[in-house]
C-alpha atoms as a PDB file:
ATOM      1  CA  MET A   1     -62.490  -5.349 -48.197  1.00  0.00           C
ATOM      2  CA  LYS A   2     -63.282  -1.649 -48.109  1.00  0.00           C
ATOM      3  CA  GLN A   3     -64.000  -1.886 -44.360  1.00  0.00           C
ATOM      4  CA  PHE A   4     -60.652  -3.648 -43.811  1.00  0.00           C
ATOM      5  CA  MET A   5     -58.750  -0.918 -45.681  1.00  0.00           C
ATOM      6  CA  THR A   6     -60.509   1.772 -43.647  1.00  0.00           C
ATOM      7  CA  THR A   7     -59.623   0.047 -40.354  1.00  0.00           C
ATOM      8  CA  ALA A   8     -55.985  -0.374 -41.431  1.00  0.00           C
ATOM      9  CA  LEU A   9     -55.773   3.292 -42.387  1.00  0.00           C
ATOM     10  CA  ILE A  10     -57.067   4.348 -38.961  1.00  0.00           C
ATOM     11  CA  VAL A  11     -54.490   2.134 -37.200  1.00  0.00           C
ATOM     12  CA  LEU A  12     -51.649   3.524 -39.317  1.00  0.00           C
ATOM     13  CA  CYS A  13     -52.726   7.081 -38.592  1.00  0.00           C
ATOM     14  CA  SER A  14     -52.826   6.348 -34.841  1.00  0.00           C
ATOM     15  CA  ILE A  15     -49.297   4.869 -34.892  1.00  0.00           C
ATOM     16  CA  SER A  16     -48.013   7.859 -36.845  1.00  0.00           C
ATOM     17  CA  ALA A  17     -49.556  10.252 -34.333  1.00  0.00           C
ATOM     18  CA  ILE A  18     -47.956   8.446 -31.384  1.00  0.00           C
ATOM     19  CA  PHE A  19     -44.565   8.395 -33.125  1.00  0.00           C
ATOM     20  CA  ALA A  20     -44.798  12.087 -33.954  1.00  0.00           C
ATOM     21  CA  GLN A  21     -45.695  12.875 -30.348  1.00  0.00           C
ATOM     22  CA  ASN A  22     -42.668  10.936 -29.041  1.00  0.00           C
ATOM     23  CA  THR A  23     -40.227  12.455 -31.495  1.00  0.00           C
ATOM     24  CA  THR A  24     -41.317  15.986 -30.691  1.00  0.00           C
ATOM     25  CA  GLU A  25     -41.156  15.511 -26.920  1.00  0.00           C
ATOM     26  CA  HIS A  26     -39.306  18.415 -25.313  1.00  0.00           C
ATOM     27  CA  PHE A  27     -36.594  17.811 -22.744  1.00  0.00           C
ATOM     28  CA  ILE A  28     -33.317  19.262 -21.551  1.00  0.00           C
ATOM     29  CA  GLU A  29     -30.205  17.135 -21.080  1.00  0.00           C
ATOM     30  CA  THR A  30     -27.275  17.808 -18.757  1.00  0.00           C
ATOM     31  CA  SER A  31     -24.095  15.941 -17.802  1.00  0.00           C
ATOM     32  CA  VAL A  32     -22.070  16.606 -14.657  1.00  0.00           C
ATOM     33  CA  ASN A  33     -19.103  15.187 -12.757  1.00  0.00           C
ATOM     34  CA  ALA A  34     -18.481  14.895  -9.025  1.00  0.00           C
ATOM     35  CA  ASN A  35     -14.982  14.133  -7.729  1.00  0.00           C
ATOM     36  CA  ARG A  36     -13.303  13.590  -4.400  1.00  0.00           C
ATOM     37  CA  ASP A  37      -9.680  12.963  -3.425  1.00  0.00           C
ATOM     38  CA  VAL A  38      -9.616  10.160  -0.865  1.00  0.00           C
ATOM     39  CA  THR A  39      -6.763   9.057   1.377  1.00  0.00           C
ATOM     40  CA  PRO A  40      -6.287   5.272   1.021  1.00  0.00           C
ATOM     41  CA  ASP A  41      -7.321   3.227   4.041  1.00  0.00           C
ATOM     42  CA  GLU A  42      -5.437   0.098   2.985  1.00  0.00           C
ATOM     43  CA  ILE A  43      -1.655   0.530   3.262  1.00  0.00           C
ATOM     44  CA  SER A  44       0.775  -2.353   2.820  1.00  0.00           C
ATOM     45  CA  ILE A  45       4.152  -2.012   4.527  1.00  0.00           C
ATOM     46  CA  SER A  46       6.910  -4.301   3.311  1.00  0.00           C
ATOM     47  CA  PHE A  47      10.041  -4.960   5.369  1.00  0.00           C
ATOM     48  CA  LEU A  48      12.937  -7.375   5.621  1.00  0.00           C
ATOM     49  CA  ILE A  49      14.703  -8.896   8.614  1.00  0.00           C
ATOM     50  CA  ASP A  50      18.130 -10.127   7.571  1.00  0.00           C
ATOM     51  CA  GLU A  51      20.574 -11.746  10.019  1.00  0.00           C
ATOM     52  CA  GLU A  52      23.479 -10.428   7.965  1.00  0.00           C
ATOM     53  CA  ASP A  53      22.472  -6.867   8.921  1.00  0.00           C
ATOM     54  CA  TYR A  54      23.264  -7.762  12.524  1.00  0.00           C
ATOM     55  CA  LYS A  55      26.455  -9.682  11.648  1.00  0.00           C
ATOM     56  CA  GLY A  56      24.858 -12.891  12.881  1.00  0.00           C
ATOM     57  CA  LYS A  57      24.595 -11.665  16.472  1.00  0.00           C
ATOM     58  CA  VAL A  58      20.783 -11.646  16.408  1.00  0.00           C
ATOM     59  CA  SER A  59      18.675 -14.378  14.832  1.00  0.00           C
ATOM     60  CA  VAL A  60      15.629 -13.768  12.671  1.00  0.00           C
ATOM     61  CA  GLN A  61      13.467 -15.450  15.326  1.00  0.00           C
ATOM     62  CA  GLN A  62      14.738 -13.102  18.045  1.00  0.00           C
ATOM     63  CA  LYS A  63      14.198  -9.988  15.938  1.00  0.00           C
ATOM     64  CA  GLU A  64      10.803 -11.239  14.814  1.00  0.00           C
ATOM     65  CA  THR A  65       9.676 -11.660  18.427  1.00  0.00           C
ATOM     66  CA  GLN A  66      10.798  -8.107  19.201  1.00  0.00           C
ATOM     67  CA  MET A  67       9.008  -6.829  16.118  1.00  0.00           C
ATOM     68  CA  ILE A  68       5.712  -8.569  16.912  1.00  0.00           C
ATOM     69  CA  ASN A  69       5.765  -7.307  20.514  1.00  0.00           C
ATOM     70  CA  ALA A  70       6.380  -3.741  19.285  1.00  0.00           C
ATOM     71  CA  LEU A  71       3.504  -3.945  16.792  1.00  0.00           C
ATOM     72  CA  LYS A  72       1.126  -5.311  19.421  1.00  0.00           C
ATOM     73  CA  LYS A  73       1.963  -2.327  21.652  1.00  0.00           C
ATOM     74  CA  LEU A  74       0.626  -0.146  18.843  1.00  0.00           C
ATOM     75  CA  GLY A  75      -2.660  -2.053  18.975  1.00  0.00           C
ATOM     76  CA  ILE A  76      -2.001  -4.026  15.796  1.00  0.00           C
ATOM     77  CA  ASP A  77      -3.455  -7.530  15.545  1.00  0.00           C
ATOM     78  CA  THR A  78      -0.458  -9.243  13.945  1.00  0.00           C
ATOM     79  CA  ASP A  79      -2.337 -12.529  13.543  1.00  0.00           C
ATOM     80  CA  LYS A  80      -4.650 -10.833  11.022  1.00  0.00           C
ATOM     81  CA  THR A  81      -2.444  -8.203   9.415  1.00  0.00           C
ATOM     82  CA  LEU A  82       1.107  -9.595   9.348  1.00  0.00           C
ATOM     83  CA  THR A  83       2.225 -12.202   6.818  1.00  0.00           C
ATOM     84  CA  ILE A  84       5.567 -13.703   5.814  1.00  0.00           C
ATOM     85  CA  LYS A  85       6.082 -13.354   2.070  1.00  0.00           C
ATOM     86  CA  ASP A  86       9.205 -15.492   1.785  1.00  0.00           C
ATOM     87  CA  ILE A  87      12.194 -16.909   3.649  1.00  0.00           C
ATOM     88  CA  SER A  88      15.697 -17.196   2.219  1.00  0.00           C
ATOM     89  CA  SER A  89      19.233 -17.926   3.335  1.00  0.00           C
ATOM     90  CA  ASN A  90      22.704 -17.294   2.008  1.00  0.00           C
ATOM     91  CA  LEU A  91      26.136 -18.665   2.812  1.00  0.00           C
ATOM     92  CA  LYS A  92      28.695 -16.055   3.835  1.00  0.00           C
ATOM     93  CA  ASP A  93      32.299 -17.057   3.138  1.00  0.00           C
ATOM     94  CA  ASN A  94      34.568 -15.676   5.841  1.00  0.00           C
ATOM     95  CA  THR A  95      38.265 -16.251   5.409  1.00  0.00           C
ATOM     96  CA  LEU A  96      39.091 -15.873   9.106  1.00  0.00           C
ATOM     97  CA  LYS A  97      35.949 -17.491  10.506  1.00  0.00           C
ATOM     98  CA  LYS A  98      33.832 -20.492   9.760  1.00  0.00           C
ATOM     99  CA  ASP A  99      31.379 -20.185   6.920  1.00  0.00           C
ATOM    100  CA  GLN A 100      28.097 -18.823   8.231  1.00  0.00           C
ATOM    101  CA  VAL A 101      24.538 -19.077   6.917  1.00  0.00           C
ATOM    102  CA  PHE A 102      22.396 -15.963   7.263  1.00  0.00           C
ATOM    103  CA  VAL A 103      18.612 -16.215   7.167  1.00  0.00           C
ATOM    104  CA  SER A 104      16.267 -13.442   6.038  1.00  0.00           C
ATOM    105  CA  ARG A 105      12.492 -13.051   6.081  1.00  0.00           C
ATOM    106  CA  HIS A 106      10.336 -10.720   4.038  1.00  0.00           C
ATOM    107  CA  TYR A 107       7.143  -9.500   5.769  1.00  0.00           C
ATOM    108  CA  MET A 108       4.004  -7.666   4.675  1.00  0.00           C
ATOM    109  CA  LEU A 109       1.925  -5.675   7.155  1.00  0.00           C
ATOM    110  CA  GLU A 110      -1.495  -4.130   6.469  1.00  0.00           C
ATOM    111  CA  VAL A 111      -2.405  -0.885   8.272  1.00  0.00           C
ATOM    112  CA  PRO A 112      -5.473   1.378   7.876  1.00  0.00           C
ATOM    113  CA  SER A 113      -3.929   4.861   7.909  1.00  0.00           C
ATOM    114  CA  ALA A 114      -0.859   6.993   7.289  1.00  0.00           C
ATOM    115  CA  ALA A 115      -0.727   7.793  11.001  1.00  0.00           C
ATOM    116  CA  MET A 116      -0.462   4.112  11.889  1.00  0.00           C
ATOM    117  CA  ALA A 117       2.090   3.541   9.127  1.00  0.00           C
ATOM    118  CA  THR A 118       4.222   6.323  10.617  1.00  0.00           C
ATOM    119  CA  GLN A 119       4.133   4.640  14.026  1.00  0.00           C
ATOM    120  CA  VAL A 120       5.114   1.327  12.461  1.00  0.00           C
ATOM    121  CA  PHE A 121       8.071   2.896  10.649  1.00  0.00           C
ATOM    122  CA  GLU A 122       9.253   4.462  13.900  1.00  0.00           C
ATOM    123  CA  ALA A 123       8.856   1.218  15.879  1.00  0.00           C
ATOM    124  CA  LEU A 124      10.774  -0.793  13.280  1.00  0.00           C
ATOM    125  CA  ASN A 125      13.510   1.829  13.102  1.00  0.00           C
ATOM    126  CA  ASN A 126      13.925   1.628  16.894  1.00  0.00           C
ATOM    127  CA  LEU A 127      14.496  -2.109  16.464  1.00  0.00           C
ATOM    128  CA  GLU A 128      17.072  -1.444  13.725  1.00  0.00           C
ATOM    129  CA  ILE A 129      14.792  -2.991  11.116  1.00  0.00           C
ATOM    130  CA  THR A 130      15.574  -0.506   8.404  1.00  0.00           C
ATOM    131  CA  ARG A 131      14.663  -2.151   5.094  1.00  0.00           C
ATOM    132  CA  VAL A 132      11.136  -0.790   5.223  1.00  0.00           C
ATOM    133  CA  GLY A 133       8.856   0.844   2.702  1.00  0.00           C
ATOM    134  CA  ILE A 134       5.340   1.243   1.338  1.00  0.00           C
ATOM    135  CA  ALA A 135       4.527  -1.627  -1.011  1.00  0.00           C
ATOM    136  CA  LYS A 136       1.092  -0.434  -2.148  1.00  0.00           C
ATOM    137  CA  THR A 137      -1.897   1.675  -1.160  1.00  0.00           C
ATOM    138  CA  ALA A 138      -5.583   1.317  -1.987  1.00  0.00           C
ATOM    139  CA  VAL A 139      -9.048   2.564  -1.112  1.00  0.00           C
ATOM    140  CA  SER A 140     -11.066  -0.272   0.418  1.00  0.00           C
ATOM    141  CA  ASN A 141     -14.293  -1.412  -1.237  1.00  0.00           C
ATOM    142  CA  LYS A 142     -16.267  -0.326   1.822  1.00  0.00           C
ATOM    143  CA  LEU A 143     -14.927   3.225   1.777  1.00  0.00           C
ATOM    144  CA  ALA A 144     -15.190   3.442  -2.017  1.00  0.00           C
ATOM    145  CA  GLU A 145     -18.884   2.472  -1.909  1.00  0.00           C
ATOM    146  CA  GLU A 146     -19.591   5.052   0.807  1.00  0.00           C
ATOM    147  CA  ILE A 147     -17.903   7.800  -1.209  1.00  0.00           C
ATOM    148  CA  LYS A 148     -19.601   6.656  -4.416  1.00  0.00           C
ATOM    149  CA  SER A 149     -23.052   6.968  -2.811  1.00  0.00           C
ATOM    150  CA  GLU A 150     -22.268  10.485  -1.598  1.00  0.00           C
ATOM    151  CA  LEU A 151     -20.922  11.522  -5.014  1.00  0.00           C
ATOM    152  CA  LEU A 152     -24.001  10.165  -6.817  1.00  0.00           C
ATOM    153  CA  VAL A 153     -26.285  12.295  -4.638  1.00  0.00           C
ATOM    154  CA  GLU A 154     -24.029  15.318  -5.141  1.00  0.00           C
ATOM    155  CA  ALA A 155     -23.957  14.831  -8.917  1.00  0.00           C
ATOM    156  CA  ALA A 156     -27.730  14.296  -9.194  1.00  0.00           C
ATOM    157  CA  LYS A 157     -28.451  17.520  -7.300  1.00  0.00           C
ATOM    158  CA  LYS A 158     -25.945  19.400  -9.441  1.00  0.00           C
ATOM    159  CA  ALA A 159     -27.553  18.003 -12.624  1.00  0.00           C
ATOM    160  CA  ARG A 160     -31.024  19.281 -11.655  1.00  0.00           C
ATOM    161  CA  THR A 161     -29.611  22.661 -10.631  1.00  0.00           C
ATOM    162  CA  ASN A 162     -27.793  23.038 -13.955  1.00  0.00           C
ATOM    163  CA  ALA A 163     -30.858  21.927 -15.932  1.00  0.00           C
ATOM    164  CA  GLN A 164     -33.063  24.396 -14.072  1.00  0.00           C
ATOM    165  CA  LEU A 165     -30.639  27.268 -14.724  1.00  0.00           C
ATOM    166  CA  MET A 166     -30.582  26.538 -18.454  1.00  0.00           C
ATOM    167  CA  ALA A 167     -34.347  26.110 -18.612  1.00  0.00           C
ATOM    168  CA  GLN A 168     -34.985  29.401 -16.817  1.00  0.00           C
ATOM    169  CA  ALA A 169     -32.719  31.144 -19.296  1.00  0.00           C
ATOM    170  CA  LEU A 170     -35.186  29.946 -21.953  1.00  0.00           C
ATOM    171  CA  GLY A 171     -38.226  30.956 -19.910  1.00  0.00           C
ATOM    172  CA  ARG A 172     -39.074  27.382 -18.993  1.00  0.00           C
ATOM    173  CA  ASN A 173     -38.990  25.108 -15.923  1.00  0.00           C
ATOM    174  CA  VAL A 174     -37.886  21.499 -15.643  1.00  0.00           C
ATOM    175  CA  GLY A 175     -40.124  18.700 -14.449  1.00  0.00           C
ATOM    176  CA  GLU A 176     -39.450  15.066 -13.693  1.00  0.00           C
ATOM    177  CA  VAL A 177     -36.340  13.235 -14.825  1.00  0.00           C
ATOM    178  CA  ILE A 178     -37.058  10.929 -17.757  1.00  0.00           C
ATOM    179  CA  TYR A 179     -33.609   9.395 -18.197  1.00  0.00           C
ATOM    180  CA  ILE A 180     -30.459   9.014 -16.102  1.00  0.00           C
ATOM    181  CA  SER A 181     -27.197   7.119 -16.479  1.00  0.00           C
ATOM    182  CA  ASN A 182     -23.987   7.128 -14.452  1.00  0.00           C
ATOM    183  CA  HIS A 183     -20.349   6.079 -14.670  1.00  0.00           C
ATOM    184  CA  TYR A 184     -17.960   5.525 -11.760  1.00  0.00           C
ATOM    185  CA  SER A 185     -14.163   5.412 -11.780  1.00  0.00           C
ATOM    186  CA  TYR A 186     -11.166   5.943  -9.528  1.00  0.00           C
ATOM    187  CA  SER A 187      -7.430   6.197  -9.934  1.00  0.00           C
ATOM    188  CA  SER A 188      -5.392   3.381  -8.440  1.00  0.00           C
ATOM    189  CA  TYR A 189      -1.739   2.707  -7.631  1.00  0.00           C
ATOM    190  CA  ASP A 190      -0.506  -0.809  -7.030  1.00  0.00           C
ATOM    191  CA  GLY A 191       3.226  -0.809  -6.425  1.00  0.00           C
ATOM    192  CA  ALA A 192       5.311  -3.953  -6.658  1.00  0.00           C
ATOM    193  CA  PRO A 193       6.714  -5.315  -3.353  1.00  0.00           C
ATOM    194  CA  GLU A 194      10.262  -4.757  -4.651  1.00  0.00           C
ATOM    195  CA  LEU A 195       9.644  -0.994  -4.422  1.00  0.00           C
ATOM    196  CA  ALA A 196       9.404  -1.339  -0.654  1.00  0.00           C
ATOM    197  CA  PHE A 197      13.153  -1.527  -0.232  1.00  0.00           C
ATOM    198  CA  ALA A 198      13.748   1.770  -2.014  1.00  0.00           C
ATOM    199  CA  LEU A 199      13.300   3.411   1.373  1.00  0.00           C
ATOM    200  CA  LYS A 200      16.118   1.502   3.061  1.00  0.00           C
ATOM    201  CA  THR A 201      17.687   3.772   5.669  1.00  0.00           C
ATOM    202  CA  ASN A 202      21.232   4.174   6.917  1.00  0.00           C
ATOM    203  CA  ARG A 203      21.573   2.881  10.462  1.00  0.00           C
ATOM    204  CA  SER A 204      24.614   5.074  10.975  1.00  0.00           C
ATOM    205  CA  ALA A 205      22.525   8.176  10.342  1.00  0.00           C
ATOM    206  CA  SER A 206      21.141  10.371  13.090  1.00  0.00           C
ATOM    207  CA  PRO A 207      18.320   8.821  15.146  1.00  0.00           C
ATOM    208  CA  ALA A 208      14.742   9.522  14.158  1.00  0.00           C
ATOM    209  CA  PRO A 209      13.142  12.620  15.718  1.00  0.00           C
ATOM    210  CA  ALA A 210      10.921  12.176  18.770  1.00  0.00           C
ATOM    211  CA  ASN A 211       7.868  13.345  16.815  1.00  0.00           C
ATOM    212  CA  PRO A 212       8.389  12.185  13.228  1.00  0.00           C
ATOM    213  CA  THR A 213       6.414  13.813  10.437  1.00  0.00           C
ATOM    214  CA  GLU A 214       3.472  11.690   9.325  1.00  0.00           C
ATOM    215  CA  LEU A 215       4.050   9.797   6.100  1.00  0.00           C
ATOM    216  CA  LYS A 216       2.504  11.428   3.060  1.00  0.00           C
ATOM    217  CA  ILE A 217       0.246   8.924   1.331  1.00  0.00           C
ATOM    218  CA  SER A 218      -0.886   9.941  -2.155  1.00  0.00           C
ATOM    219  CA  LYS A 219      -4.630  10.420  -2.389  1.00  0.00           C
ATOM    220  CA  GLN A 220      -6.733   8.660  -4.992  1.00  0.00           C
ATOM    221  CA  ARG A 221      -9.437  10.437  -6.974  1.00  0.00           C
ATOM    222  CA  LEU A 222     -12.899   8.904  -7.037  1.00  0.00           C
ATOM    223  CA  SER A 223     -15.172  10.226  -9.784  1.00  0.00           C
ATOM    224  CA  VAL A 224     -18.844   9.906 -10.689  1.00  0.00           C
ATOM    225  CA  SER A 225     -20.307  11.245 -13.936  1.00  0.00           C
ATOM    226  CA  ILE A 226     -24.029  11.233 -14.672  1.00  0.00           C
ATOM    227  CA  SER A 227     -26.188  12.226 -17.620  1.00  0.00           C
ATOM    228  CA  CYS A 228     -29.822  13.234 -17.067  1.00  0.00           C
ATOM    229  CA  LYS A 229     -32.779  14.236 -19.206  1.00  0.00           C
ATOM    230  CA  PHE A 230     -35.476  16.379 -17.611  1.00  0.00           C
ATOM    231  CA  ALA A 231     -38.850  16.999 -19.193  1.00  0.00           C
ATOM    232  CA  PHE A 232     -39.970  20.616 -19.587  1.00  0.00           C
ATOM    233  CA  LYS A 233     -42.988  21.610 -17.550  1.00  0.00           C
END
């Protein structure tokens, strides 16, 4: 019994020593952020072709053919990037003419840059397709992951630099990292398709300039924050 008590006492003392060593471990902790404003590479252009805009002289099918040919000249693969959101028709009651049904189609086009969006706006304007606007913008997953990787490296280097500066102020140096965590976020705008028609233009206005100013697409901020603990040397 006495031998058992002695053995138990030794074990308890060993555990206490290990715990004391861990709780008195010296380290320095630092938290940093790394941000970057990124231009979205996914831009959705919404536009409407309405036969009533042309007083029934041009059909939706005719204008659609012109539109697709114009987009293909810009190098756009319409089979992959152009979709029809909906089709509608309305009956126009003319007192002097027969009643006439006008058809309209709402389209969505995906483009990868503001420069391409500007060319699309100009091409559609030349075809008198004027109910055009930006429906939404986003940073693609591929681009976001690339930027995230770069920001993580940037933040990790900044964390060590900051830790070293603080340690040197105390007459110490930092060693290996013993803990690290990170958090990633980015701002996002997802406009409703109805907002697209806010940019409807006046066809009676002056023609567009030969070299139109590139559309200004709002950038989105991607952020990485990390927290690190470095052991003192």
